[in-house]
Amino acid sequence: PGGGIHPLTRYVMNYIAFLADYGDTLADIVADWPLNPLPQSYY
């Protein structure tokens, strides 16, 4: 209602923000994991 923040947005962004605190650890875990192709215009 009212076009406010969707619960999915809150959940996902809170989750990813917490994941970012483990950036170095995650980098080690997924070091040899194939990357999803991102449009260069996006990122």
Full PDB file with SEQRES, HELIX, SHEET, SSBOND, CRYST1, ORIGX, SCALE, CONECT and MASTER records, all heavy atoms in Angstrom:
SEQRES   1 A   43  PRO GLY GLY GLY ILE HIS PRO LEU THR ARG TYR VAL MET          
SEQRES   2 A   43  ASN TYR ILE ALA PHE LEU ALA ASP TYR GLY ASP THR LEU          
SEQRES   3 A   43  ALA ASP ILE VAL ALA ASP TRP PRO LEU ASN PRO LEU PRO          
SEQRES   4 A   43  GLN SER TYR TYR                                              
HELIX    1 AA1 PRO A    7  ALA A   20  1                                  14    
HELIX    2 AA2 GLY A   23  ILE A   29  1                                   7    
CRYST1    1.000    1.000    1.000  90.00  90.00  90.00 P 1           1          
ORIGX1      1.000000  0.000000  0.000000        0.00000                         
ORIGX2      0.000000  1.000000  0.000000        0.00000                         
ORIGX3      0.000000  0.000000  1.000000        0.00000                         
SCALE1      1.000000  0.000000  0.000000        0.00000                         
SCALE2      0.000000  1.000000  0.000000        0.00000                         
SCALE3      0.000000  0.000000  1.000000        0.00000                         
ATOM      1  N   PRO A   1       0.826  -1.212   0.000  1.00  0.00           N  
ATOM      2  CA  PRO A   1       0.000   0.000   0.000  1.00  0.00           C  
ATOM      3  C   PRO A   1       0.862   1.265   0.000  1.00  0.00           C  
ATOM      4  O   PRO A   1       1.859   1.347   0.713  1.00  0.00           O  
ATOM      5  CB  PRO A   1      -0.791  -0.121   1.310  1.00  0.00           C  
ATOM      6  CG  PRO A   1      -0.835  -1.587   1.600  1.00  0.00           C  
ATOM      7  CD  PRO A   1       0.469  -2.118   1.105  1.00  0.00           C  
ATOM      8  N   GLY A   2       0.468   2.208  -0.815  1.00  0.00           N  
ATOM      9  CA  GLY A   2       1.165   3.483  -0.853  1.00  0.00           C  
ATOM     10  C   GLY A   2       2.465   3.461  -1.631  1.00  0.00           C  
ATOM     11  O   GLY A   2       3.169   4.465  -1.673  1.00  0.00           O  
ATOM     12  N   GLY A   3       2.804   2.330  -2.249  1.00  0.00           N  
ATOM     13  CA  GLY A   3       4.032   2.264  -3.033  1.00  0.00           C  
ATOM     14  C   GLY A   3       5.290   2.304  -2.182  1.00  0.00           C  
ATOM     15  O   GLY A   3       6.330   2.781  -2.637  1.00  0.00           O  
ATOM     16  N   GLY A   4       5.193   1.836  -0.932  1.00  0.00           N  
ATOM     17  CA  GLY A   4       6.336   1.887  -0.018  1.00  0.00           C  
ATOM     18  C   GLY A   4       7.375   0.798  -0.298  1.00  0.00           C  
ATOM     19  O   GLY A   4       7.383   0.164  -1.358  1.00  0.00           O  
ATOM     20  N   ILE A   5       8.249   0.577   0.662  1.00  0.00           N  
ATOM     21  CA  ILE A   5       9.334  -0.385   0.506  1.00  0.00           C  
ATOM     22  C   ILE A   5       8.768  -1.796   0.578  1.00  0.00           C  
ATOM     23  O   ILE A   5       8.071  -2.155   1.528  1.00  0.00           O  
ATOM     24  CB  ILE A   5      10.400  -0.219   1.611  1.00  0.00           C  
ATOM     25  CG1 ILE A   5      10.811   1.238   1.756  1.00  0.00           C  
ATOM     26  CG2 ILE A   5      11.605  -1.111   1.326  1.00  0.00           C  
ATOM     27  CD1 ILE A   5      11.415   1.834   0.531  1.00  0.00           C  
ATOM     28  N   HIS A   6       9.073  -2.574  -0.422  1.00  0.00           N  
ATOM     29  CA  HIS A   6       8.587  -3.952  -0.441  1.00  0.00           C  
ATOM     30  C   HIS A   6       9.385  -4.788   0.554  1.00  0.00           C  
ATOM     31  O   HIS A   6      10.601  -4.616   0.693  1.00  0.00           O  
ATOM     32  CB  HIS A   6       8.733  -4.541  -1.854  1.00  0.00           C  
ATOM     33  CG  HIS A   6       7.872  -5.742  -2.079  1.00  0.00           C  
ATOM     34  ND1 HIS A   6       8.183  -6.980  -1.579  1.00  0.00           N  
ATOM     35  CD2 HIS A   6       6.695  -5.890  -2.753  1.00  0.00           C  
ATOM     36  CE1 HIS A   6       7.245  -7.853  -1.936  1.00  0.00           C  
ATOM     37  NE2 HIS A   6       6.330  -7.213  -2.644  1.00  0.00           N  
ATOM     38  N   PRO A   7       8.739  -5.700   1.282  1.00  0.00           N  
ATOM     39  CA  PRO A   7       9.467  -6.573   2.215  1.00  0.00           C  
ATOM     40  C   PRO A   7      10.611  -7.335   1.544  1.00  0.00           C  
ATOM     41  O   PRO A   7      11.630  -7.594   2.166  1.00  0.00           O  
ATOM     42  CB  PRO A   7       8.391  -7.533   2.726  1.00  0.00           C  
ATOM     43  CG  PRO A   7       7.118  -6.770   2.588  1.00  0.00           C  
ATOM     44  CD  PRO A   7       7.275  -5.926   1.359  1.00  0.00           C  
ATOM     45  N   LEU A   8      10.425  -7.679   0.278  1.00  0.00           N  
ATOM     46  CA  LEU A   8      11.488  -8.375  -0.443  1.00  0.00           C  
ATOM     47  C   LEU A   8      12.738  -7.498  -0.534  1.00  0.00           C  
ATOM     48  O   LEU A   8      13.867  -7.974  -0.368  1.00  0.00           O  
ATOM     49  CB  LEU A   8      11.008  -8.757  -1.851  1.00  0.00           C  
ATOM     50  CG  LEU A   8      12.019  -9.504  -2.723  1.00  0.00           C  
ATOM     51  CD1 LEU A   8      12.300 -10.875  -2.137  1.00  0.00           C  
ATOM     52  CD2 LEU A   8      11.513  -9.636  -4.158  1.00  0.00           C  
ATOM     53  N   THR A   9      12.526  -6.214  -0.778  1.00  0.00           N  
ATOM     54  CA  THR A   9      13.653  -5.283  -0.856  1.00  0.00           C  
ATOM     55  C   THR A   9      14.371  -5.186   0.481  1.00  0.00           C  
ATOM     56  O   THR A   9      15.613  -5.240   0.539  1.00  0.00           O  
ATOM     57  CB  THR A   9      13.152  -3.885  -1.261  1.00  0.00           C  
ATOM     58  OG1 THR A   9      12.378  -3.979  -2.458  1.00  0.00           O  
ATOM     59  CG2 THR A   9      14.315  -2.933  -1.488  1.00  0.00           C  
ATOM     60  N   ARG A  10      13.603  -5.024   1.548  1.00  0.00           N  
ATOM     61  CA  ARG A  10      14.226  -4.938   2.871  1.00  0.00           C  
ATOM     62  C   ARG A  10      15.012  -6.202   3.186  1.00  0.00           C  
ATOM     63  O   ARG A  10      16.164  -6.145   3.636  1.00  0.00           O  
ATOM     64  CB  ARG A  10      13.151  -4.724   3.948  1.00  0.00           C  
ATOM     65  CG  ARG A  10      12.426  -3.388   3.859  1.00  0.00           C  
ATOM     66  CD  ARG A  10      11.453  -3.250   5.029  1.00  0.00           C  
ATOM     67  NE  ARG A  10      10.625  -2.073   4.897  1.00  0.00           N  
ATOM     68  CZ  ARG A  10      10.982  -0.846   5.260  1.00  0.00           C  
ATOM     69  NH1 ARG A  10      12.182  -0.651   5.780  1.00  0.00           N  
ATOM     70  NH2 ARG A  10      10.163   0.169   5.116  1.00  0.00           N  
ATOM     71  N   TYR A  11      14.383  -7.332   2.980  1.00  0.00           N  
ATOM     72  CA  TYR A  11      15.019  -8.599   3.329  1.00  0.00           C  
ATOM     73  C   TYR A  11      16.305  -8.814   2.536  1.00  0.00           C  
ATOM     74  O   TYR A  11      17.370  -9.095   3.093  1.00  0.00           O  
ATOM     75  CB  TYR A  11      14.055  -9.759   3.084  1.00  0.00           C  
ATOM     76  CG  TYR A  11      14.657 -11.103   3.438  1.00  0.00           C  
ATOM     77  CD1 TYR A  11      14.583 -11.589   4.738  1.00  0.00           C  
ATOM     78  CD2 TYR A  11      15.340 -11.849   2.486  1.00  0.00           C  
ATOM     79  CE1 TYR A  11      15.159 -12.800   5.076  1.00  0.00           C  
ATOM     80  CE2 TYR A  11      15.924 -13.063   2.813  1.00  0.00           C  
ATOM     81  CZ  TYR A  11      15.831 -13.537   4.104  1.00  0.00           C  
ATOM     82  OH  TYR A  11      16.410 -14.728   4.435  1.00  0.00           O  
ATOM     83  N   VAL A  12      16.193  -8.684   1.224  1.00  0.00           N  
ATOM     84  CA  VAL A  12      17.345  -8.976   0.359  1.00  0.00           C  
ATOM     85  C   VAL A  12      18.489  -8.015   0.627  1.00  0.00           C  
ATOM     86  O   VAL A  12      19.655  -8.418   0.739  1.00  0.00           O  
ATOM     87  CB  VAL A  12      16.926  -8.935  -1.124  1.00  0.00           C  
ATOM     88  CG1 VAL A  12      18.155  -9.008  -2.033  1.00  0.00           C  
ATOM     89  CG2 VAL A  12      15.973 -10.088  -1.436  1.00  0.00           C  
ATOM     90  N   MET A  13      18.184  -6.721   0.750  1.00  0.00           N  
ATOM     91  CA  MET A  13      19.264  -5.750   0.942  1.00  0.00           C  
ATOM     92  C   MET A  13      19.903  -5.874   2.328  1.00  0.00           C  
ATOM     93  O   MET A  13      21.123  -5.706   2.471  1.00  0.00           O  
ATOM     94  CB  MET A  13      18.744  -4.332   0.715  1.00  0.00           C  
ATOM     95  CG  MET A  13      18.437  -4.021  -0.740  1.00  0.00           C  
ATOM     96  SD  MET A  13      19.783  -4.460  -1.886  1.00  0.00           S  
ATOM     97  CE  MET A  13      21.141  -3.495  -1.237  1.00  0.00           C  
ATOM     98  N   ASN A  14      19.110  -6.161   3.353  1.00  0.00           N  
ATOM     99  CA  ASN A  14      19.695  -6.401   4.668  1.00  0.00           C  
ATOM    100  C   ASN A  14      20.606  -7.629   4.620  1.00  0.00           C  
ATOM    101  O   ASN A  14      21.711  -7.632   5.181  1.00  0.00           O  
ATOM    102  CB  ASN A  14      18.598  -6.615   5.720  1.00  0.00           C  
ATOM    103  CG  ASN A  14      17.959  -5.321   6.152  1.00  0.00           C  
ATOM    104  OD1 ASN A  14      18.561  -4.257   6.033  1.00  0.00           O  
ATOM    105  ND2 ASN A  14      16.746  -5.394   6.647  1.00  0.00           N  
ATOM    106  N   TYR A  15      20.137  -8.648   3.932  1.00  0.00           N  
ATOM    107  CA  TYR A  15      20.889  -9.899   3.823  1.00  0.00           C  
ATOM    108  C   TYR A  15      22.219  -9.660   3.100  1.00  0.00           C  
ATOM    109  O   TYR A  15      23.287 -10.075   3.564  1.00  0.00           O  
ATOM    110  CB  TYR A  15      20.038 -10.913   3.053  1.00  0.00           C  
ATOM    111  CG  TYR A  15      20.450 -12.351   3.238  1.00  0.00           C  
ATOM    112  CD1 TYR A  15      19.860 -13.138   4.222  1.00  0.00           C  
ATOM    113  CD2 TYR A  15      21.417 -12.935   2.427  1.00  0.00           C  
ATOM    114  CE1 TYR A  15      20.216 -14.466   4.388  1.00  0.00           C  
ATOM    115  CE2 TYR A  15      21.784 -14.259   2.582  1.00  0.00           C  
ATOM    116  CZ  TYR A  15      21.181 -15.025   3.561  1.00  0.00           C  
ATOM    117  OH  TYR A  15      21.545 -16.333   3.722  1.00  0.00           O  
ATOM    118  N   ILE A  16      22.146  -8.967   1.975  1.00  0.00           N  
ATOM    119  CA  ILE A  16      23.363  -8.728   1.190  1.00  0.00           C  
ATOM    120  C   ILE A  16      24.316  -7.797   1.933  1.00  0.00           C  
ATOM    121  O   ILE A  16      25.541  -7.960   1.869  1.00  0.00           O  
ATOM    122  CB  ILE A  16      23.000  -8.151  -0.195  1.00  0.00           C  
ATOM    123  CG1 ILE A  16      22.168  -9.153  -0.992  1.00  0.00           C  
ATOM    124  CG2 ILE A  16      24.257  -7.805  -0.975  1.00  0.00           C  
ATOM    125  CD1 ILE A  16      21.674  -8.626  -2.323  1.00  0.00           C  
ATOM    126  N   ALA A  17      23.763  -6.814   2.651  1.00  0.00           N  
ATOM    127  CA  ALA A  17      24.624  -5.904   3.411  1.00  0.00           C  
ATOM    128  C   ALA A  17      25.389  -6.658   4.486  1.00  0.00           C  
ATOM    129  O   ALA A  17      26.575  -6.397   4.724  1.00  0.00           O  
ATOM    130  CB  ALA A  17      23.783  -4.792   4.042  1.00  0.00           C  
ATOM    131  N   PHE A  18      24.731  -7.615   5.144  1.00  0.00           N  
ATOM    132  CA  PHE A  18      25.423  -8.438   6.123  1.00  0.00           C  
ATOM    133  C   PHE A  18      26.464  -9.325   5.442  1.00  0.00           C  
ATOM    134  O   PHE A  18      27.561  -9.532   5.967  1.00  0.00           O  
ATOM    135  CB  PHE A  18      24.436  -9.300   6.908  1.00  0.00           C  
ATOM    136  CG  PHE A  18      23.796  -8.591   8.064  1.00  0.00           C  
ATOM    137  CD1 PHE A  18      22.459  -8.239   8.024  1.00  0.00           C  
ATOM    138  CD2 PHE A  18      24.530  -8.279   9.196  1.00  0.00           C  
ATOM    139  CE1 PHE A  18      21.865  -7.591   9.087  1.00  0.00           C  
ATOM    140  CE2 PHE A  18      23.937  -7.629  10.270  1.00  0.00           C  
ATOM    141  CZ  PHE A  18      22.605  -7.281  10.217  1.00  0.00           C  
ATOM    142  N   LEU A  19      26.118  -9.838   4.273  1.00  0.00           N  
ATOM    143  CA  LEU A  19      27.076 -10.666   3.528  1.00  0.00           C  
ATOM    144  C   LEU A  19      28.336  -9.874   3.178  1.00  0.00           C  
ATOM    145  O   LEU A  19      29.441 -10.423   3.161  1.00  0.00           O  
ATOM    146  CB  LEU A  19      26.434 -11.197   2.241  1.00  0.00           C  
ATOM    147  CG  LEU A  19      25.504 -12.395   2.353  1.00  0.00           C  
ATOM    148  CD1 LEU A  19      24.952 -12.758   0.977  1.00  0.00           C  
ATOM    149  CD2 LEU A  19      26.226 -13.605   2.952  1.00  0.00           C  
ATOM    150  N   ALA A  20      28.158  -8.590   2.902  1.00  0.00           N  
ATOM    151  CA  ALA A  20      29.302  -7.756   2.520  1.00  0.00           C  
ATOM    152  C   ALA A  20      30.324  -7.661   3.649  1.00  0.00           C  
ATOM    153  O   ALA A  20      31.511  -7.435   3.400  1.00  0.00           O  
ATOM    154  CB  ALA A  20      28.830  -6.365   2.123  1.00  0.00           C  
ATOM    155  N   ASP A  21      29.883  -7.844   4.901  1.00  0.00           N  
ATOM    156  CA  ASP A  21      30.826  -7.837   6.025  1.00  0.00           C  
ATOM    157  C   ASP A  21      31.764  -9.040   5.966  1.00  0.00           C  
ATOM    158  O   ASP A  21      32.803  -9.048   6.634  1.00  0.00           O  
ATOM    159  CB  ASP A  21      30.067  -7.845   7.353  1.00  0.00           C  
ATOM    160  CG  ASP A  21      29.338  -6.533   7.602  1.00  0.00           C  
ATOM    161  OD1 ASP A  21      29.733  -5.519   6.996  1.00  0.00           O  
ATOM    162  OD2 ASP A  21      28.378  -6.529   8.384  1.00  0.00           O  
ATOM    163  N   TYR A  22      31.376 -10.059   5.214  1.00  0.00           N  
ATOM    164  CA  TYR A  22      32.192 -11.264   5.066  1.00  0.00           C  
ATOM    165  C   TYR A  22      32.836 -11.306   3.677  1.00  0.00           C  
ATOM    166  O   TYR A  22      33.096 -12.379   3.141  1.00  0.00           O  
ATOM    167  CB  TYR A  22      31.332 -12.517   5.243  1.00  0.00           C  
ATOM    168  CG  TYR A  22      30.706 -12.671   6.606  1.00  0.00           C  
ATOM    169  CD1 TYR A  22      29.488 -12.065   6.911  1.00  0.00           C  
ATOM    170  CD2 TYR A  22      31.316 -13.434   7.604  1.00  0.00           C  
ATOM    171  CE1 TYR A  22      28.896 -12.223   8.158  1.00  0.00           C  
ATOM    172  CE2 TYR A  22      30.733 -13.599   8.842  1.00  0.00           C  
ATOM    173  CZ  TYR A  22      29.523 -12.990   9.123  1.00  0.00           C  
ATOM    174  OH  TYR A  22      28.948 -13.144  10.360  1.00  0.00           O  
ATOM    175  N   GLY A  23      33.073 -10.120   3.097  1.00  0.00           N  
ATOM    176  CA  GLY A  23      33.537 -10.056   1.712  1.00  0.00           C  
ATOM    177  C   GLY A  23      34.765 -10.905   1.443  1.00  0.00           C  
ATOM    178  O   GLY A  23      34.788 -11.691   0.483  1.00  0.00           O  
ATOM    179  N   ASP A  24      35.792 -10.794   2.292  1.00  0.00           N  
ATOM    180  CA  ASP A  24      37.028 -11.551   2.064  1.00  0.00           C  
ATOM    181  C   ASP A  24      36.795 -13.049   2.198  1.00  0.00           C  
ATOM    182  O   ASP A  24      37.334 -13.852   1.433  1.00  0.00           O  
ATOM    183  CB  ASP A  24      38.116 -11.106   3.047  1.00  0.00           C  
ATOM    184  CG  ASP A  24      38.581  -9.687   2.784  1.00  0.00           C  
ATOM    185  OD1 ASP A  24      38.377  -9.199   1.655  1.00  0.00           O  
ATOM    186  OD2 ASP A  24      39.132  -9.060   3.708  1.00  0.00           O  
ATOM    187  N   THR A  25      35.997 -13.429   3.191  1.00  0.00           N  
ATOM    188  CA  THR A  25      35.704 -14.851   3.393  1.00  0.00           C  
ATOM    189  C   THR A  25      34.922 -15.406   2.222  1.00  0.00           C  
ATOM    190  O   THR A  25      35.225 -16.500   1.711  1.00  0.00           O  
ATOM    191  CB  THR A  25      34.906 -15.041   4.700  1.00  0.00           C  
ATOM    192  OG1 THR A  25      35.663 -14.499   5.788  1.00  0.00           O  
ATOM    193  CG2 THR A  25      34.632 -16.505   4.961  1.00  0.00           C  
ATOM    194  N   LEU A  26      33.917 -14.670   1.763  1.00  0.00           N  
ATOM    195  CA  LEU A  26      33.130 -15.117   0.613  1.00  0.00           C  
ATOM    196  C   LEU A  26      33.984 -15.191  -0.644  1.00  0.00           C  
ATOM    197  O   LEU A  26      33.825 -16.112  -1.456  1.00  0.00           O  
ATOM    198  CB  LEU A  26      31.956 -14.158   0.385  1.00  0.00           C  
ATOM    199  CG  LEU A  26      30.755 -14.341   1.313  1.00  0.00           C  
ATOM    200  CD1 LEU A  26      29.789 -13.173   1.148  1.00  0.00           C  
ATOM    201  CD2 LEU A  26      30.042 -15.656   1.025  1.00  0.00           C  
ATOM    202  N   ALA A  27      34.895 -14.237  -0.798  1.00  0.00           N  
ATOM    203  CA  ALA A  27      35.778 -14.255  -1.967  1.00  0.00           C  
ATOM    204  C   ALA A  27      36.603 -15.531  -1.997  1.00  0.00           C  
ATOM    205  O   ALA A  27      36.834 -16.120  -3.056  1.00  0.00           O  
ATOM    206  CB  ALA A  27      36.692 -13.034  -1.952  1.00  0.00           C  
ATOM    207  N   ASP A  28      37.016 -15.994  -0.821  1.00  0.00           N  
ATOM    208  CA  ASP A  28      37.787 -17.235  -0.729  1.00  0.00           C  
ATOM    209  C   ASP A  28      36.908 -18.436  -1.064  1.00  0.00           C  
ATOM    210  O   ASP A  28      37.339 -19.363  -1.759  1.00  0.00           O  
ATOM    211  CB  ASP A  28      38.368 -17.365   0.678  1.00  0.00           C  
ATOM    212  CG  ASP A  28      39.204 -18.617   0.848  1.00  0.00           C  
ATOM    213  OD1 ASP A  28      40.104 -18.841   0.022  1.00  0.00           O  
ATOM    214  OD2 ASP A  28      38.962 -19.378   1.802  1.00  0.00           O  
ATOM    215  N   ILE A  29      35.673 -18.414  -0.596  1.00  0.00           N  
ATOM    216  CA  ILE A  29      34.772 -19.558  -0.801  1.00  0.00           C  
ATOM    217  C   ILE A  29      34.361 -19.702  -2.257  1.00  0.00           C  
ATOM    218  O   ILE A  29      34.273 -20.819  -2.785  1.00  0.00           O  
ATOM    219  CB  ILE A  29      33.526 -19.405   0.099  1.00  0.00           C  
ATOM    220  CG1 ILE A  29      33.923 -19.553   1.574  1.00  0.00           C  
ATOM    221  CG2 ILE A  29      32.451 -20.414  -0.267  1.00  0.00           C  
ATOM    222  CD1 ILE A  29      32.810 -19.258   2.550  1.00  0.00           C  
ATOM    223  N   VAL A  30      34.094 -18.587  -2.933  1.00  0.00           N  
ATOM    224  CA  VAL A  30      33.571 -18.650  -4.314  1.00  0.00           C  
ATOM    225  C   VAL A  30      34.650 -18.316  -5.344  1.00  0.00           C  
ATOM    226  O   VAL A  30      34.338 -17.945  -6.471  1.00  0.00           O  
ATOM    227  CB  VAL A  30      32.358 -17.712  -4.477  1.00  0.00           C  
ATOM    228  CG1 VAL A  30      31.258 -18.071  -3.502  1.00  0.00           C  
ATOM    229  CG2 VAL A  30      32.769 -16.237  -4.269  1.00  0.00           C  
ATOM    230  N   ALA A  31      35.910 -18.465  -4.952  1.00  0.00           N  
ATOM    231  CA  ALA A  31      37.015 -18.061  -5.832  1.00  0.00           C  
ATOM    232  C   ALA A  31      36.968 -18.742  -7.193  1.00  0.00           C  
ATOM    233  O   ALA A  31      37.256 -18.128  -8.221  1.00  0.00           O  
ATOM    234  CB  ALA A  31      38.351 -18.328  -5.144  1.00  0.00           C  
ATOM    235  N   ASP A  32      36.602 -20.015  -7.227  1.00  0.00           N  
ATOM    236  CA  ASP A  32      36.597 -20.754  -8.494  1.00  0.00           C  
ATOM    237  C   ASP A  32      35.177 -21.008  -9.004  1.00  0.00           C  
ATOM    238  O   ASP A  32      34.924 -21.924  -9.769  1.00  0.00           O  
ATOM    239  CB  ASP A  32      37.326 -22.085  -8.324  1.00  0.00           C  
ATOM    240  CG  ASP A  32      36.724 -22.932  -7.205  1.00  0.00           C  
ATOM    241  OD1 ASP A  32      35.905 -22.406  -6.428  1.00  0.00           O  
ATOM    242  OD2 ASP A  32      37.081 -24.129  -7.108  1.00  0.00           O  
ATOM    243  N   TRP A  33      34.245 -20.166  -8.568  1.00  0.00           N  
ATOM    244  CA  TRP A  33      32.837 -20.304  -8.946  1.00  0.00           C  
ATOM    245  C   TRP A  33      32.564 -19.412 -10.156  1.00  0.00           C  
ATOM    246  O   TRP A  33      32.891 -18.220 -10.125  1.00  0.00           O  
ATOM    247  CB  TRP A  33      31.969 -19.871  -7.766  1.00  0.00           C  
ATOM    248  CG  TRP A  33      30.595 -20.467  -7.754  1.00  0.00           C  
ATOM    249  CD1 TRP A  33      30.131 -21.478  -8.514  1.00  0.00           C  
ATOM    250  CD2 TRP A  33      29.529 -20.064  -6.890  1.00  0.00           C  
ATOM    251  NE1 TRP A  33      28.835 -21.744  -8.188  1.00  0.00           N  
ATOM    252  CE2 TRP A  33      28.435 -20.898  -7.201  1.00  0.00           C  
ATOM    253  CE3 TRP A  33      29.393 -19.092  -5.910  1.00  0.00           C  
ATOM    254  CZ2 TRP A  33      27.218 -20.775  -6.544  1.00  0.00           C  
ATOM    255  CZ3 TRP A  33      28.183 -18.978  -5.259  1.00  0.00           C  
ATOM    256  CH2 TRP A  33      27.108 -19.808  -5.577  1.00  0.00           C  
ATOM    257  N   PRO A  34      31.960 -19.948 -11.224  1.00  0.00           N  
ATOM    258  CA  PRO A  34      31.699 -19.127 -12.425  1.00  0.00           C  
ATOM    259  C   PRO A  34      30.834 -17.913 -12.102  1.00  0.00           C  
ATOM    260  O   PRO A  34      29.876 -17.997 -11.339  1.00  0.00           O  
ATOM    261  CB  PRO A  34      30.974 -20.094 -13.363  1.00  0.00           C  
ATOM    262  CG  PRO A  34      31.347 -21.457 -12.887  1.00  0.00           C  
ATOM    263  CD  PRO A  34      31.507 -21.337 -11.402  1.00  0.00           C  
ATOM    264  N   LEU A  35      31.176 -16.786 -12.708  1.00  0.00           N  
ATOM    265  CA  LEU A  35      30.419 -15.550 -12.509  1.00  0.00           C  
ATOM    266  C   LEU A  35      29.253 -15.480 -13.478  1.00  0.00           C  
ATOM    267  O   LEU A  35      29.355 -15.928 -14.624  1.00  0.00           O  
ATOM    268  CB  LEU A  35      31.320 -14.331 -12.722  1.00  0.00           C  
ATOM    269  CG  LEU A  35      32.348 -14.027 -11.630  1.00  0.00           C  
ATOM    270  CD1 LEU A  35      33.381 -13.044 -12.155  1.00  0.00           C  
ATOM    271  CD2 LEU A  35      31.651 -13.440 -10.409  1.00  0.00           C  
ATOM    272  N   ASN A  36      28.136 -14.904 -13.027  1.00  0.00           N  
ATOM    273  CA  ASN A  36      27.032 -14.615 -13.936  1.00  0.00           C  
ATOM    274  C   ASN A  36      27.397 -13.396 -14.780  1.00  0.00           C  
ATOM    275  O   ASN A  36      27.912 -12.406 -14.260  1.00  0.00           O  
ATOM    276  CB  ASN A  36      25.750 -14.330 -13.146  1.00  0.00           C  
ATOM    277  CG  ASN A  36      25.261 -15.549 -12.394  1.00  0.00           C  
ATOM    278  OD1 ASN A  36      24.972 -16.576 -12.993  1.00  0.00           O  
ATOM    279  ND2 ASN A  36      25.187 -15.446 -11.078  1.00  0.00           N  
ATOM    280  N   PRO A  37      27.136 -13.450 -16.084  1.00  0.00           N  
ATOM    281  CA  PRO A  37      27.499 -12.309 -16.943  1.00  0.00           C  
ATOM    282  C   PRO A  37      26.634 -11.090 -16.647  1.00  0.00           C  
ATOM    283  O   PRO A  37      25.415 -11.159 -16.683  1.00  0.00           O  
ATOM    284  CB  PRO A  37      27.241 -12.842 -18.358  1.00  0.00           C  
ATOM    285  CG  PRO A  37      26.232 -13.941 -18.176  1.00  0.00           C  
ATOM    286  CD  PRO A  37      26.501 -14.552 -16.836  1.00  0.00           C  
ATOM    287  N   LEU A  38      27.283  -9.980 -16.320  1.00  0.00           N  
ATOM    288  CA  LEU A  38      26.576  -8.734 -16.027  1.00  0.00           C  
ATOM    289  C   LEU A  38      26.693  -7.788 -17.215  1.00  0.00           C  
ATOM    290  O   LEU A  38      27.772  -7.662 -17.797  1.00  0.00           O  
ATOM    291  CB  LEU A  38      27.181  -8.054 -14.800  1.00  0.00           C  
ATOM    292  CG  LEU A  38      26.704  -8.508 -13.425  1.00  0.00           C  
ATOM    293  CD1 LEU A  38      27.596  -7.897 -12.355  1.00  0.00           C  
ATOM    294  CD2 LEU A  38      25.262  -8.119 -13.185  1.00  0.00           C  
ATOM    295  N   PRO A  39      25.606  -7.125 -17.600  1.00  0.00           N  
ATOM    296  CA  PRO A  39      25.715  -6.111 -18.659  1.00  0.00           C  
ATOM    297  C   PRO A  39      26.696  -5.022 -18.233  1.00  0.00           C  
ATOM    298  O   PRO A  39      26.596  -4.492 -17.127  1.00  0.00           O  
ATOM    299  CB  PRO A  39      24.284  -5.559 -18.765  1.00  0.00           C  
ATOM    300  CG  PRO A  39      23.415  -6.571 -18.102  1.00  0.00           C  
ATOM    301  CD  PRO A  39      24.247  -7.237 -17.062  1.00  0.00           C  
ATOM    302  N   GLN A  40      27.648  -4.710 -19.083  1.00  0.00           N  
ATOM    303  CA  GLN A  40      28.654  -3.707 -18.720  1.00  0.00           C  
ATOM    304  C   GLN A  40      28.020  -2.342 -18.493  1.00  0.00           C  
ATOM    305  O   GLN A  40      28.509  -1.542 -17.714  1.00  0.00           O  
ATOM    306  CB  GLN A  40      29.735  -3.622 -19.792  1.00  0.00           C  
ATOM    307  CG  GLN A  40      30.935  -2.801 -19.349  1.00  0.00           C  
ATOM    308  CD  GLN A  40      32.124  -2.996 -20.246  1.00  0.00           C  
ATOM    309  OE1 GLN A  40      32.180  -3.947 -21.021  1.00  0.00           O  
ATOM    310  NE2 GLN A  40      33.080  -2.095 -20.173  1.00  0.00           N  
ATOM    311  N   SER A  41      26.892  -2.108 -19.180  1.00  0.00           N  
ATOM    312  CA  SER A  41      26.202  -0.830 -18.990  1.00  0.00           C  
ATOM    313  C   SER A  41      25.594  -0.736 -17.593  1.00  0.00           C  
ATOM    314  O   SER A  41      25.377   0.348 -17.069  1.00  0.00           O  
ATOM    315  CB  SER A  41      25.094  -0.679 -20.035  1.00  0.00           C  
ATOM    316  OG  SER A  41      24.167  -1.753 -19.919  1.00  0.00           O  
ATOM    317  N   TYR A  42      25.314  -1.905 -17.000  1.00  0.00           N  
ATOM    318  CA  TYR A  42      24.734  -1.919 -15.651  1.00  0.00           C  
ATOM    319  C   TYR A  42      25.816  -1.799 -14.584  1.00  0.00           C  
ATOM    320  O   TYR A  42      25.684  -1.065 -13.616  1.00  0.00           O  
ATOM    321  CB  TYR A  42      23.941  -3.206 -15.438  1.00  0.00           C  
ATOM    322  CG  TYR A  42      23.524  -3.419 -13.994  1.00  0.00           C  
ATOM    323  CD1 TYR A  42      22.472  -2.687 -13.445  1.00  0.00           C  
ATOM    324  CD2 TYR A  42      24.205  -4.328 -13.179  1.00  0.00           C  
ATOM    325  CE1 TYR A  42      22.102  -2.873 -12.112  1.00  0.00           C  
ATOM    326  CE2 TYR A  42      23.841  -4.515 -11.854  1.00  0.00           C  
ATOM    327  CZ  TYR A  42      22.781  -3.777 -11.332  1.00  0.00           C  
ATOM    328  OH  TYR A  42      22.428  -3.950 -10.014  1.00  0.00           O  
ATOM    329  N   TYR A  43      26.905  -2.544 -14.781  1.00  0.00           N  
ATOM    330  CA  TYR A  43      27.928  -2.549 -13.741  1.00  0.00           C  
ATOM    331  C   TYR A  43      29.289  -2.894 -14.314  1.00  0.00           C  
ATOM    332  O   TYR A  43      29.440  -3.826 -15.103  1.00  0.00           O  
ATOM    333  CB  TYR A  43      27.584  -3.577 -12.654  1.00  0.00           C  
ATOM    334  CG  TYR A  43      28.655  -3.685 -11.594  1.00  0.00           C  
ATOM    335  CD1 TYR A  43      28.826  -2.668 -10.661  1.00  0.00           C  
ATOM    336  CD2 TYR A  43      29.506  -4.783 -11.548  1.00  0.00           C  
ATOM    337  CE1 TYR A  43      29.814  -2.742  -9.695  1.00  0.00           C  
ATOM    338  CE2 TYR A  43      30.497  -4.869 -10.584  1.00  0.00           C  
ATOM    339  CZ  TYR A  43      30.641  -3.844  -9.659  1.00  0.00           C  
ATOM    340  OH  TYR A  43      31.627  -3.922  -8.717  1.00  0.00           O  
TER     341      TYR A  43                                                      
MASTER        0    0    0    2    0    0    0    6  340    1    0    4          
END                                                                             
